[in-house]
PDB file of all heavy atoms in Angstrom:
ATOM      1  N   LEU A   1      55.010 -29.253 -11.753  1.00  0.00           N
ATOM      2  CA  LEU A   1      54.353 -30.549 -11.536  1.00  0.00           C
ATOM      3  C   LEU A   1      54.761 -31.516 -12.595  1.00  0.00           C
ATOM      4  O   LEU A   1      54.746 -31.227 -13.847  1.00  0.00           O
ATOM      5  CB  LEU A   1      52.799 -30.360 -11.591  1.00  0.00           C
ATOM      6  CG  LEU A   1      51.962 -31.552 -11.328  1.00  0.00           C
ATOM      7  CD1 LEU A   1      51.959 -31.818  -9.880  1.00  0.00           C
ATOM      8  CD2 LEU A   1      50.519 -31.423 -11.938  1.00  0.00           C
ATOM      9  N   LEU A   2      55.239 -32.671 -12.121  1.00  0.00           N
ATOM     10  CA  LEU A   2      55.615 -33.749 -13.124  1.00  0.00           C
ATOM     11  C   LEU A   2      54.858 -34.994 -12.720  1.00  0.00           C
ATOM     12  O   LEU A   2      54.336 -35.210 -11.618  1.00  0.00           O
ATOM     13  CB  LEU A   2      57.098 -33.998 -12.976  1.00  0.00           C
ATOM     14  CG  LEU A   2      58.060 -32.857 -13.297  1.00  0.00           C
ATOM     15  CD1 LEU A   2      59.503 -33.223 -13.143  1.00  0.00           C
ATOM     16  CD2 LEU A   2      57.801 -32.410 -14.790  1.00  0.00           C
ATOM     17  N   LEU A   3      54.822 -35.894 -13.743  1.00  0.00           N
ATOM     18  CA  LEU A   3      54.170 -37.162 -13.631  1.00  0.00           C
ATOM     19  C   LEU A   3      55.260 -38.298 -13.806  1.00  0.00           C
ATOM     20  O   LEU A   3      56.075 -38.248 -14.708  1.00  0.00           O
ATOM     21  CB  LEU A   3      53.100 -37.299 -14.724  1.00  0.00           C
ATOM     22  CG  LEU A   3      52.258 -38.563 -14.736  1.00  0.00           C
ATOM     23  CD1 LEU A   3      50.816 -38.197 -14.921  1.00  0.00           C
ATOM     24  CD2 LEU A   3      52.753 -39.373 -15.970  1.00  0.00           C
ATOM     25  N   GLU A   4      55.216 -39.262 -12.880  1.00  0.00           N
ATOM     26  CA  GLU A   4      56.065 -40.367 -12.978  1.00  0.00           C
ATOM     27  C   GLU A   4      55.412 -41.504 -13.800  1.00  0.00           C
ATOM     28  O   GLU A   4      54.453 -42.036 -13.461  1.00  0.00           O
ATOM     29  CB  GLU A   4      56.423 -40.938 -11.590  1.00  0.00           C
ATOM     30  CG  GLU A   4      57.500 -42.071 -11.625  1.00  0.00           C
ATOM     31  CD  GLU A   4      57.800 -42.619 -10.261  1.00  0.00           C
ATOM     32  OE1 GLU A   4      56.939 -42.579  -9.358  1.00  0.00           O
ATOM     33  OE2 GLU A   4      58.969 -43.035 -10.119  1.00  0.00           O
ATOM     34  N   LYS A   5      56.036 -41.849 -14.948  1.00  0.00           N
ATOM     35  CA  LYS A   5      55.534 -42.867 -15.858  1.00  0.00           C
ATOM     36  C   LYS A   5      55.701 -44.290 -15.257  1.00  0.00           C
ATOM     37  O   LYS A   5      56.682 -44.684 -14.692  1.00  0.00           O
ATOM     38  CB  LYS A   5      56.214 -42.741 -17.254  1.00  0.00           C
ATOM     39  CG  LYS A   5      55.945 -41.480 -18.034  1.00  0.00           C
ATOM     40  CD  LYS A   5      54.489 -41.380 -18.317  1.00  0.00           C
ATOM     41  CE  LYS A   5      54.073 -42.398 -19.364  1.00  0.00           C
ATOM     42  NZ  LYS A   5      52.616 -42.259 -19.657  1.00  0.00           N
ATOM     43  N   SER A   6      54.680 -45.052 -15.515  1.00  0.00           N
ATOM     44  CA  SER A   6      54.732 -46.487 -15.268  1.00  0.00           C
ATOM     45  C   SER A   6      54.668 -47.363 -16.460  1.00  0.00           C
ATOM     46  O   SER A   6      54.962 -48.477 -16.515  1.00  0.00           O
ATOM     47  CB  SER A   6      53.650 -46.934 -14.217  1.00  0.00           C
ATOM     48  OG  SER A   6      52.346 -46.744 -14.862  1.00  0.00           O
ATOM     49  N   LYS A   7      54.195 -46.789 -17.483  1.00  0.00           N
ATOM     50  CA  LYS A   7      54.105 -47.321 -18.890  1.00  0.00           C
ATOM     51  C   LYS A   7      54.155 -46.334 -19.902  1.00  0.00           C
ATOM     52  O   LYS A   7      53.903 -45.236 -19.666  1.00  0.00           O
ATOM     53  CB  LYS A   7      52.821 -48.250 -18.915  1.00  0.00           C
ATOM     54  CG  LYS A   7      51.529 -47.405 -18.802  1.00  0.00           C
ATOM     55  CD  LYS A   7      50.314 -48.143 -18.846  1.00  0.00           C
ATOM     56  CE  LYS A   7      49.088 -47.204 -18.630  1.00  0.00           C
ATOM     57  NZ  LYS A   7      47.893 -47.806 -18.605  1.00  0.00           N
ATOM     58  N   PRO A   8      54.522 -46.742 -21.122  1.00  0.00           N
ATOM     59  CA  PRO A   8      55.087 -48.002 -21.615  1.00  0.00           C
ATOM     60  C   PRO A   8      56.476 -48.262 -20.877  1.00  0.00           C
ATOM     61  O   PRO A   8      57.097 -47.401 -20.221  1.00  0.00           O
ATOM     62  CB  PRO A   8      55.291 -47.841 -23.051  1.00  0.00           C
ATOM     63  CG  PRO A   8      55.453 -46.298 -23.213  1.00  0.00           C
ATOM     64  CD  PRO A   8      54.598 -45.659 -22.146  1.00  0.00           C
ATOM     65  N   ALA A   9      56.862 -49.530 -21.044  1.00  0.00           N
ATOM     66  CA  ALA A   9      58.089 -49.924 -20.370  1.00  0.00           C
ATOM     67  C   ALA A   9      59.329 -49.094 -20.494  1.00  0.00           C
ATOM     68  O   ALA A   9      60.032 -48.895 -19.571  1.00  0.00           O
ATOM     69  CB  ALA A   9      58.384 -51.398 -20.764  1.00  0.00           C
ATOM     70  N   PHE A  10      59.455 -48.583 -21.710  1.00  0.00           N
ATOM     71  CA  PHE A  10      60.703 -47.797 -21.887  1.00  0.00           C
ATOM     72  C   PHE A  10      60.642 -46.456 -21.243  1.00  0.00           C
ATOM     73  O   PHE A  10      61.714 -45.820 -21.086  1.00  0.00           O
ATOM     74  CB  PHE A  10      60.997 -47.549 -23.427  1.00  0.00           C
ATOM     75  CG  PHE A  10      60.091 -46.559 -24.145  1.00  0.00           C
ATOM     76  CD1 PHE A  10      60.432 -45.274 -24.274  1.00  0.00           C
ATOM     77  CD2 PHE A  10      58.900 -46.998 -24.679  1.00  0.00           C
ATOM     78  CE1 PHE A  10      59.592 -44.370 -24.893  1.00  0.00           C
ATOM     79  CE2 PHE A  10      58.017 -46.090 -25.360  1.00  0.00           C
ATOM     80  CZ  PHE A  10      58.368 -44.724 -25.433  1.00  0.00           C
ATOM     81  N   LEU A  11      59.529 -46.023 -20.704  1.00  0.00           N
ATOM     82  CA  LEU A  11      59.423 -44.757 -19.930  1.00  0.00           C
ATOM     83  C   LEU A  11      59.227 -45.013 -18.456  1.00  0.00           C
ATOM     84  O   LEU A  11      59.301 -44.045 -17.677  1.00  0.00           O
ATOM     85  CB  LEU A  11      58.274 -43.961 -20.441  1.00  0.00           C
ATOM     86  CG  LEU A  11      58.338 -43.154 -21.735  1.00  0.00           C
ATOM     87  CD1 LEU A  11      57.091 -42.458 -22.105  1.00  0.00           C
ATOM     88  CD2 LEU A  11      59.476 -42.208 -21.646  1.00  0.00           C
ATOM     89  N   ALA A  12      58.975 -46.266 -17.996  1.00  0.00           N
ATOM     90  CA  ALA A  12      58.738 -46.550 -16.580  1.00  0.00           C
ATOM     91  C   ALA A  12      59.796 -45.965 -15.693  1.00  0.00           C
ATOM     92  O   ALA A  12      61.056 -46.167 -15.964  1.00  0.00           O
ATOM     93  CB  ALA A  12      58.681 -48.017 -16.397  1.00  0.00           C
ATOM     94  N   GLY A  13      59.416 -45.287 -14.643  1.00  0.00           N
ATOM     95  CA  GLY A  13      60.333 -44.630 -13.687  1.00  0.00           C
ATOM     96  C   GLY A  13      60.881 -43.292 -14.071  1.00  0.00           C
ATOM     97  O   GLY A  13      61.621 -42.626 -13.298  1.00  0.00           O
ATOM     98  N   GLN A  14      60.501 -42.785 -15.276  1.00  0.00           N
ATOM     99  CA  GLN A  14      60.973 -41.481 -15.765  1.00  0.00           C
ATOM    100  C   GLN A  14      59.838 -40.423 -15.437  1.00  0.00           C
ATOM    101  O   GLN A  14      58.686 -40.756 -15.381  1.00  0.00           O
ATOM    102  CB  GLN A  14      61.253 -41.525 -17.186  1.00  0.00           C
ATOM    103  CG  GLN A  14      62.565 -42.481 -17.421  1.00  0.00           C
ATOM    104  CD  GLN A  14      62.813 -42.549 -18.997  1.00  0.00           C
ATOM    105  OE1 GLN A  14      62.943 -41.500 -19.521  1.00  0.00           O
ATOM    106  NE2 GLN A  14      62.961 -43.709 -19.456  1.00  0.00           N
ATOM    107  N   TRP A  15      60.317 -39.248 -15.302  1.00  0.00           N
ATOM    108  CA  TRP A  15      59.325 -38.088 -15.081  1.00  0.00           C
ATOM    109  C   TRP A  15      59.125 -37.279 -16.405  1.00  0.00           C
ATOM    110  O   TRP A  15      60.015 -36.991 -17.129  1.00  0.00           O
ATOM    111  CB  TRP A  15      59.935 -37.190 -13.999  1.00  0.00           C
ATOM    112  CG  TRP A  15      59.922 -38.050 -12.652  1.00  0.00           C
ATOM    113  CD1 TRP A  15      60.935 -38.703 -12.166  1.00  0.00           C
ATOM    114  CD2 TRP A  15      58.973 -37.998 -11.635  1.00  0.00           C
ATOM    115  NE1 TRP A  15      60.615 -39.168 -10.923  1.00  0.00           N
ATOM    116  CE2 TRP A  15      59.322 -38.785 -10.632  1.00  0.00           C
ATOM    117  CE3 TRP A  15      57.615 -37.387 -11.588  1.00  0.00           C
ATOM    118  CZ2 TRP A  15      58.643 -39.016  -9.533  1.00  0.00           C
ATOM    119  CZ3 TRP A  15      56.948 -37.703 -10.397  1.00  0.00           C
ATOM    120  CH2 TRP A  15      57.430 -38.359  -9.387  1.00  0.00           C
ATOM    121  N   ILE A  16      57.818 -36.937 -16.592  1.00  0.00           N
ATOM    122  CA  ILE A  16      57.398 -36.107 -17.677  1.00  0.00           C
ATOM    123  C   ILE A  16      56.347 -35.090 -17.203  1.00  0.00           C
ATOM    124  O   ILE A  16      55.947 -35.068 -16.123  1.00  0.00           O
ATOM    125  CB  ILE A  16      56.878 -36.956 -18.851  1.00  0.00           C
ATOM    126  CG1 ILE A  16      55.596 -37.592 -18.423  1.00  0.00           C
ATOM    127  CG2 ILE A  16      57.865 -37.983 -19.256  1.00  0.00           C
ATOM    128  CD1 ILE A  16      54.771 -38.264 -19.582  1.00  0.00           C
ATOM    129  N   GLY A  17      55.998 -34.264 -18.187  1.00  0.00           N
ATOM    130  CA  GLY A  17      54.800 -33.370 -17.799  1.00  0.00           C
ATOM    131  C   GLY A  17      53.550 -34.277 -18.033  1.00  0.00           C
ATOM    132  O   GLY A  17      53.613 -35.350 -18.583  1.00  0.00           O
ATOM    133  N   VAL A  18      52.344 -33.723 -17.581  1.00  0.00           N
ATOM    134  CA  VAL A  18      51.166 -34.339 -17.828  1.00  0.00           C
ATOM    135  C   VAL A  18      50.798 -34.288 -19.319  1.00  0.00           C
ATOM    136  O   VAL A  18      51.237 -33.434 -19.939  1.00  0.00           O
ATOM    137  CB  VAL A  18      50.040 -33.829 -16.908  1.00  0.00           C
ATOM    138  CG1 VAL A  18      50.285 -33.986 -15.474  1.00  0.00           C
ATOM    139  CG2 VAL A  18      49.679 -32.316 -17.252  1.00  0.00           C
ATOM    140  N   GLY A  19      50.107 -35.333 -19.804  1.00  0.00           N
ATOM    141  CA  GLY A  19      49.709 -35.339 -21.214  1.00  0.00           C
ATOM    142  C   GLY A  19      49.469 -36.694 -21.773  1.00  0.00           C
ATOM    143  O   GLY A  19      49.524 -37.673 -21.067  1.00  0.00           O
ATOM    144  N   GLY A  20      49.290 -36.689 -23.123  1.00  0.00           N
ATOM    145  CA  GLY A  20      48.986 -37.961 -23.781  1.00  0.00           C
ATOM    146  C   GLY A  20      48.619 -37.785 -25.204  1.00  0.00           C
ATOM    147  O   GLY A  20      48.877 -36.663 -25.782  1.00  0.00           O
ATOM    148  N   HIS A  21      48.065 -38.803 -25.781  1.00  0.00           N
ATOM    149  CA  HIS A  21      47.746 -38.855 -27.232  1.00  0.00           C
ATOM    150  C   HIS A  21      46.670 -37.770 -27.501  1.00  0.00           C
ATOM    151  O   HIS A  21      45.782 -37.464 -26.743  1.00  0.00           O
ATOM    152  CB  HIS A  21      47.054 -40.154 -27.609  1.00  0.00           C
ATOM    153  CG  HIS A  21      48.006 -41.388 -27.753  1.00  0.00           C
ATOM    154  ND1 HIS A  21      48.223 -42.116 -26.647  1.00  0.00           N
ATOM    155  CD2 HIS A  21      48.702 -41.767 -28.744  1.00  0.00           C
ATOM    156  CE1 HIS A  21      49.158 -43.060 -27.014  1.00  0.00           C
ATOM    157  NE2 HIS A  21      49.398 -42.834 -28.233  1.00  0.00           N
ATOM    158  N   ILE A  22      46.847 -37.128 -28.691  1.00  0.00           N
ATOM    159  CA  ILE A  22      45.943 -36.219 -29.286  1.00  0.00           C
ATOM    160  C   ILE A  22      44.874 -37.105 -29.977  1.00  0.00           C
ATOM    161  O   ILE A  22      45.293 -37.858 -30.899  1.00  0.00           O
ATOM    162  CB  ILE A  22      46.490 -35.194 -30.256  1.00  0.00           C
ATOM    163  CG1 ILE A  22      47.474 -34.263 -29.384  1.00  0.00           C
ATOM    164  CG2 ILE A  22      45.486 -34.314 -30.910  1.00  0.00           C
ATOM    165  CD1 ILE A  22      48.317 -33.378 -30.263  1.00  0.00           C
ATOM    166  N   GLU A  23      43.584 -37.030 -29.601  1.00  0.00           N
ATOM    167  CA  GLU A  23      42.628 -37.860 -30.229  1.00  0.00           C
ATOM    168  C   GLU A  23      42.094 -37.273 -31.602  1.00  0.00           C
ATOM    169  O   GLU A  23      42.320 -36.070 -31.792  1.00  0.00           O
ATOM    170  CB  GLU A  23      41.444 -38.052 -29.248  1.00  0.00           C
ATOM    171  CG  GLU A  23      41.838 -38.784 -28.034  1.00  0.00           C
ATOM    172  CD  GLU A  23      40.746 -38.947 -27.002  1.00  0.00           C
ATOM    173  OE1 GLU A  23      39.600 -38.381 -27.197  1.00  0.00           O
ATOM    174  OE2 GLU A  23      40.975 -39.615 -25.994  1.00  0.00           O
ATOM    175  N   GLU A  24      41.624 -38.096 -32.313  1.00  0.00           N
ATOM    176  CA  GLU A  24      41.104 -37.659 -33.691  1.00  0.00           C
ATOM    177  C   GLU A  24      40.125 -36.506 -33.517  1.00  0.00           C
ATOM    178  O   GLU A  24      39.239 -36.596 -32.720  1.00  0.00           O
ATOM    179  CB  GLU A  24      40.453 -38.822 -34.462  1.00  0.00           C
ATOM    180  CG  GLU A  24      40.122 -38.494 -35.829  1.00  0.00           C
ATOM    181  CD  GLU A  24      39.603 -39.660 -36.721  1.00  0.00           C
ATOM    182  OE1 GLU A  24      39.908 -40.772 -36.329  1.00  0.00           O
ATOM    183  OE2 GLU A  24      38.849 -39.474 -37.729  1.00  0.00           O
ATOM    184  N   GLY A  25      40.340 -35.479 -34.314  1.00  0.00           N
ATOM    185  CA  GLY A  25      39.492 -34.279 -34.260  1.00  0.00           C
ATOM    186  C   GLY A  25      39.789 -33.257 -33.128  1.00  0.00           C
ATOM    187  O   GLY A  25      39.183 -32.182 -32.945  1.00  0.00           O
ATOM    188  N   GLU A  26      40.757 -33.631 -32.339  1.00  0.00           N
ATOM    189  CA  GLU A  26      41.136 -32.774 -31.252  1.00  0.00           C
ATOM    190  C   GLU A  26      42.408 -31.957 -31.559  1.00  0.00           C
ATOM    191  O   GLU A  26      43.313 -32.385 -32.265  1.00  0.00           O
ATOM    192  CB  GLU A  26      41.603 -33.630 -30.011  1.00  0.00           C
ATOM    193  CG  GLU A  26      41.502 -33.132 -28.756  1.00  0.00           C
ATOM    194  CD  GLU A  26      41.699 -34.255 -27.607  1.00  0.00           C
ATOM    195  OE1 GLU A  26      42.573 -35.194 -27.845  1.00  0.00           O
ATOM    196  OE2 GLU A  26      41.022 -34.131 -26.592  1.00  0.00           O
ATOM    197  N   THR A  27      42.499 -30.783 -31.131  1.00  0.00           N
ATOM    198  CA  THR A  27      43.680 -29.876 -31.283  1.00  0.00           C
ATOM    199  C   THR A  27      44.653 -30.236 -30.268  1.00  0.00           C
ATOM    200  O   THR A  27      44.261 -30.756 -29.198  1.00  0.00           O
ATOM    201  CB  THR A  27      43.284 -28.365 -31.232  1.00  0.00           C
ATOM    202  OG1 THR A  27      42.985 -28.068 -29.894  1.00  0.00           O
ATOM    203  CG2 THR A  27      42.238 -27.997 -32.239  1.00  0.00           C
ATOM    204  N   PRO A  28      45.941 -29.888 -30.404  1.00  0.00           N
ATOM    205  CA  PRO A  28      46.890 -30.063 -29.365  1.00  0.00           C
ATOM    206  C   PRO A  28      46.444 -29.379 -28.042  1.00  0.00           C
ATOM    207  O   PRO A  28      46.615 -29.967 -26.953  1.00  0.00           O
ATOM    208  CB  PRO A  28      48.146 -29.457 -29.907  1.00  0.00           C
ATOM    209  CG  PRO A  28      48.090 -29.661 -31.387  1.00  0.00           C
ATOM    210  CD  PRO A  28      46.581 -29.379 -31.628  1.00  0.00           C
ATOM    211  N   PHE A  29      45.908 -28.134 -28.089  1.00  0.00           N
ATOM    212  CA  PHE A  29      45.473 -27.511 -26.953  1.00  0.00           C
ATOM    213  C   PHE A  29      44.332 -28.193 -26.309  1.00  0.00           C
ATOM    214  O   PHE A  29      44.361 -28.319 -24.996  1.00  0.00           O
ATOM    215  CB  PHE A  29      44.998 -26.023 -27.316  1.00  0.00           C
ATOM    216  CG  PHE A  29      44.503 -25.188 -26.069  1.00  0.00           C
ATOM    217  CD1 PHE A  29      45.444 -24.605 -25.261  1.00  0.00           C
ATOM    218  CD2 PHE A  29      43.150 -25.198 -25.812  1.00  0.00           C
ATOM    219  CE1 PHE A  29      45.058 -23.889 -24.208  1.00  0.00           C
ATOM    220  CE2 PHE A  29      42.757 -24.365 -24.718  1.00  0.00           C
ATOM    221  CZ  PHE A  29      43.595 -23.841 -23.948  1.00  0.00           C
ATOM    222  N   GLU A  30      43.386 -28.557 -26.994  1.00  0.00           N
ATOM    223  CA  GLU A  30      42.210 -29.363 -26.426  1.00  0.00           C
ATOM    224  C   GLU A  30      42.571 -30.700 -25.713  1.00  0.00           C
ATOM    225  O   GLU A  30      42.232 -31.030 -24.664  1.00  0.00           O
ATOM    226  CB  GLU A  30      41.205 -29.662 -27.513  1.00  0.00           C
ATOM    227  CG  GLU A  30      40.441 -28.452 -28.093  1.00  0.00           C
ATOM    228  CD  GLU A  30      39.638 -28.778 -29.300  1.00  0.00           C
ATOM    229  OE1 GLU A  30      39.988 -29.750 -30.052  1.00  0.00           O
ATOM    230  OE2 GLU A  30      38.755 -28.068 -29.556  1.00  0.00           O
ATOM    231  N   ALA A  31      43.644 -31.345 -26.350  1.00  0.00           N
ATOM    232  CA  ALA A  31      44.156 -32.558 -25.726  1.00  0.00           C
ATOM    233  C   ALA A  31      44.931 -32.188 -24.414  1.00  0.00           C
ATOM    234  O   ALA A  31      44.758 -33.012 -23.449  1.00  0.00           O
ATOM    235  CB  ALA A  31      45.161 -33.260 -26.745  1.00  0.00           C
ATOM    236  N   MET A  32      45.615 -31.110 -24.465  1.00  0.00           N
ATOM    237  CA  MET A  32      46.322 -30.636 -23.221  1.00  0.00           C
ATOM    238  C   MET A  32      45.370 -30.402 -22.103  1.00  0.00           C
ATOM    239  O   MET A  32      45.569 -30.940 -20.941  1.00  0.00           O
ATOM    240  CB  MET A  32      47.178 -29.402 -23.535  1.00  0.00           C
ATOM    241  CG  MET A  32      48.153 -29.009 -22.440  1.00  0.00           C
ATOM    242  SD  MET A  32      49.371 -30.181 -22.128  1.00  0.00           S
ATOM    243  CE  MET A  32      48.769 -31.080 -20.672  1.00  0.00           C
ATOM    244  N   VAL A  33      44.320 -29.713 -22.340  1.00  0.00           N
ATOM    245  CA  VAL A  33      43.255 -29.422 -21.355  1.00  0.00           C
ATOM    246  C   VAL A  33      42.665 -30.760 -20.797  1.00  0.00           C
ATOM    247  O   VAL A  33      42.593 -30.987 -19.552  1.00  0.00           O
ATOM    248  CB  VAL A  33      42.196 -28.571 -21.831  1.00  0.00           C
ATOM    249  CG1 VAL A  33      40.951 -28.442 -20.927  1.00  0.00           C
ATOM    250  CG2 VAL A  33      42.730 -27.165 -22.155  1.00  0.00           C
ATOM    251  N   ARG A  34      42.307 -31.658 -21.736  1.00  0.00           N
ATOM    252  CA  ARG A  34      41.691 -32.923 -21.372  1.00  0.00           C
ATOM    253  C   ARG A  34      42.679 -33.773 -20.517  1.00  0.00           C
ATOM    254  O   ARG A  34      42.323 -34.295 -19.513  1.00  0.00           O
ATOM    255  CB  ARG A  34      41.284 -33.714 -22.624  1.00  0.00           C
ATOM    256  CG  ARG A  34      40.720 -35.136 -22.265  1.00  0.00           C
ATOM    257  CD  ARG A  34      40.307 -35.814 -23.568  1.00  0.00           C
ATOM    258  NE  ARG A  34      41.297 -35.898 -24.573  1.00  0.00           N
ATOM    259  CZ  ARG A  34      42.440 -36.676 -24.449  1.00  0.00           C
ATOM    260  NH1 ARG A  34      42.578 -37.471 -23.492  1.00  0.00           N
ATOM    261  NH2 ARG A  34      43.289 -36.719 -25.485  1.00  0.00           N
ATOM    262  N   GLU A  35      43.941 -33.940 -20.932  1.00  0.00           N
ATOM    263  CA  GLU A  35      44.874 -34.775 -20.257  1.00  0.00           C
ATOM    264  C   GLU A  35      45.225 -34.281 -18.898  1.00  0.00           C
ATOM    265  O   GLU A  35      45.424 -34.938 -17.982  1.00  0.00           O
ATOM    266  CB  GLU A  35      46.146 -34.921 -21.208  1.00  0.00           C
ATOM    267  CG  GLU A  35      45.900 -35.815 -22.426  1.00  0.00           C
ATOM    268  CD  GLU A  35      45.844 -37.308 -22.125  1.00  0.00           C
ATOM    269  OE1 GLU A  35      46.151 -37.723 -20.957  1.00  0.00           O
ATOM    270  OE2 GLU A  35      45.474 -38.053 -23.087  1.00  0.00           O
ATOM    271  N   ALA A  36      45.362 -32.953 -18.781  1.00  0.00           N
ATOM    272  CA  ALA A  36      45.635 -32.423 -17.425  1.00  0.00           C
ATOM    273  C   ALA A  36      44.596 -32.689 -16.513  1.00  0.00           C
ATOM    274  O   ALA A  36      44.819 -32.962 -15.295  1.00  0.00           O
ATOM    275  CB  ALA A  36      45.868 -30.932 -17.558  1.00  0.00           C
ATOM    276  N   LYS A  37      43.377 -32.683 -16.887  1.00  0.00           N
ATOM    277  CA  LYS A  37      42.183 -32.974 -16.035  1.00  0.00           C
ATOM    278  C   LYS A  37      42.196 -34.447 -15.630  1.00  0.00           C
ATOM    279  O   LYS A  37      42.040 -34.869 -14.529  1.00  0.00           O
ATOM    280  CB  LYS A  37      40.875 -32.568 -16.696  1.00  0.00           C
ATOM    281  CG  LYS A  37      39.608 -32.742 -15.845  1.00  0.00           C
ATOM    282  CD  LYS A  37      39.656 -31.871 -14.622  1.00  0.00           C
ATOM    283  CE  LYS A  37      38.388 -31.966 -13.923  1.00  0.00           C
ATOM    284  NZ  LYS A  37      38.357 -31.301 -12.633  1.00  0.00           N
ATOM    285  N   GLU A  38      42.438 -35.331 -16.690  1.00  0.00           N
ATOM    286  CA  GLU A  38      42.357 -36.760 -16.481  1.00  0.00           C
ATOM    287  C   GLU A  38      43.516 -37.314 -15.617  1.00  0.00           C
ATOM    288  O   GLU A  38      43.291 -38.194 -14.747  1.00  0.00           O
ATOM    289  CB  GLU A  38      42.438 -37.516 -17.853  1.00  0.00           C
ATOM    290  CG  GLU A  38      41.228 -37.436 -18.652  1.00  0.00           C
ATOM    291  CD  GLU A  38      41.402 -37.996 -20.057  1.00  0.00           C
ATOM    292  OE1 GLU A  38      42.511 -38.595 -20.301  1.00  0.00           O
ATOM    293  OE2 GLU A  38      40.396 -37.946 -20.840  1.00  0.00           O
ATOM    294  N   GLU A  39      44.710 -36.791 -15.754  1.00  0.00           N
ATOM    295  CA  GLU A  39      45.860 -37.298 -15.018  1.00  0.00           C
ATOM    296  C   GLU A  39      46.182 -36.491 -13.630  1.00  0.00           C
ATOM    297  O   GLU A  39      46.662 -37.173 -12.805  1.00  0.00           O
ATOM    298  CB  GLU A  39      47.106 -37.135 -15.882  1.00  0.00           C
ATOM    299  CG  GLU A  39      47.064 -38.051 -17.069  1.00  0.00           C
ATOM    300  CD  GLU A  39      48.360 -37.974 -17.946  1.00  0.00           C
ATOM    301  OE1 GLU A  39      49.059 -37.007 -17.809  1.00  0.00           O
ATOM    302  OE2 GLU A  39      48.426 -38.856 -18.832  1.00  0.00           O
ATOM    303  N   ALA A  40      45.812 -35.265 -13.598  1.00  0.00           N
ATOM    304  CA  ALA A  40      46.166 -34.520 -12.345  1.00  0.00           C
ATOM    305  C   ALA A  40      45.017 -33.685 -11.830  1.00  0.00           C
ATOM    306  O   ALA A  40      45.196 -32.870 -10.821  1.00  0.00           O
ATOM    307  CB  ALA A  40      47.329 -33.583 -12.709  1.00  0.00           C
ATOM    308  N   ASP A  41      43.807 -33.772 -12.336  1.00  0.00           N
ATOM    309  CA  ASP A  41      42.615 -33.090 -11.851  1.00  0.00           C
ATOM    310  C   ASP A  41      42.742 -31.538 -11.930  1.00  0.00           C
ATOM    311  O   ASP A  41      42.338 -30.862 -11.104  1.00  0.00           O
ATOM    312  CB  ASP A  41      42.215 -33.511 -10.479  1.00  0.00           C
ATOM    313  CG  ASP A  41      40.812 -33.179 -10.184  1.00  0.00           C
ATOM    314  OD1 ASP A  41      39.915 -33.076 -11.123  1.00  0.00           O
ATOM    315  OD2 ASP A  41      40.419 -32.927  -9.002  1.00  0.00           O
ATOM    316  N   LEU A  42      43.610 -31.146 -12.951  1.00  0.00           N
ATOM    317  CA  LEU A  42      43.852 -29.680 -13.185  1.00  0.00           C
ATOM    318  C   LEU A  42      42.718 -29.174 -13.966  1.00  0.00           C
ATOM    319  O   LEU A  42      42.412 -29.617 -15.112  1.00  0.00           O
ATOM    320  CB  LEU A  42      45.170 -29.471 -13.787  1.00  0.00           C
ATOM    321  CG  LEU A  42      46.418 -29.809 -12.995  1.00  0.00           C
ATOM    322  CD1 LEU A  42      47.652 -29.607 -13.827  1.00  0.00           C
ATOM    323  CD2 LEU A  42      46.470 -28.770 -11.863  1.00  0.00           C
ATOM    324  N   ASN A  43      42.004 -28.154 -13.498  1.00  0.00           N
ATOM    325  CA  ASN A  43      41.017 -27.459 -14.264  1.00  0.00           C
ATOM    326  C   ASN A  43      41.684 -26.756 -15.405  1.00  0.00           C
ATOM    327  O   ASN A  43      42.889 -26.556 -15.411  1.00  0.00           O
ATOM    328  CB  ASN A  43      40.216 -26.523 -13.387  1.00  0.00           C
ATOM    329  CG  ASN A  43      39.364 -27.247 -12.366  1.00  0.00           C
ATOM    330  OD1 ASN A  43      38.705 -28.328 -12.726  1.00  0.00           O
ATOM    331  ND2 ASN A  43      39.409 -26.797 -11.139  1.00  0.00           N
ATOM    332  N   PRO A  44      40.839 -26.377 -16.419  1.00  0.00           N
ATOM    333  CA  PRO A  44      41.538 -25.751 -17.593  1.00  0.00           C
ATOM    334  C   PRO A  44      42.458 -24.599 -17.231  1.00  0.00           C
ATOM    335  O   PRO A  44      42.053 -23.772 -16.402  1.00  0.00           O
ATOM    336  CB  PRO A  44      40.283 -25.192 -18.462  1.00  0.00           C
ATOM    337  CG  PRO A  44      39.238 -26.234 -18.122  1.00  0.00           C
ATOM    338  CD  PRO A  44      39.473 -26.621 -16.608  1.00  0.00           C
TER     339      PRO A  44
END
């Protein structure tokens, strides 16, 4: 499963995995679980 970026401009039209910023106090794993749910409705 890939996600097509629309922003920021330098990534527009390119494909990546789901994900995003790691928020303060969050581990990389916790951010991964949150972002997958927010972007693709993937349960943990």
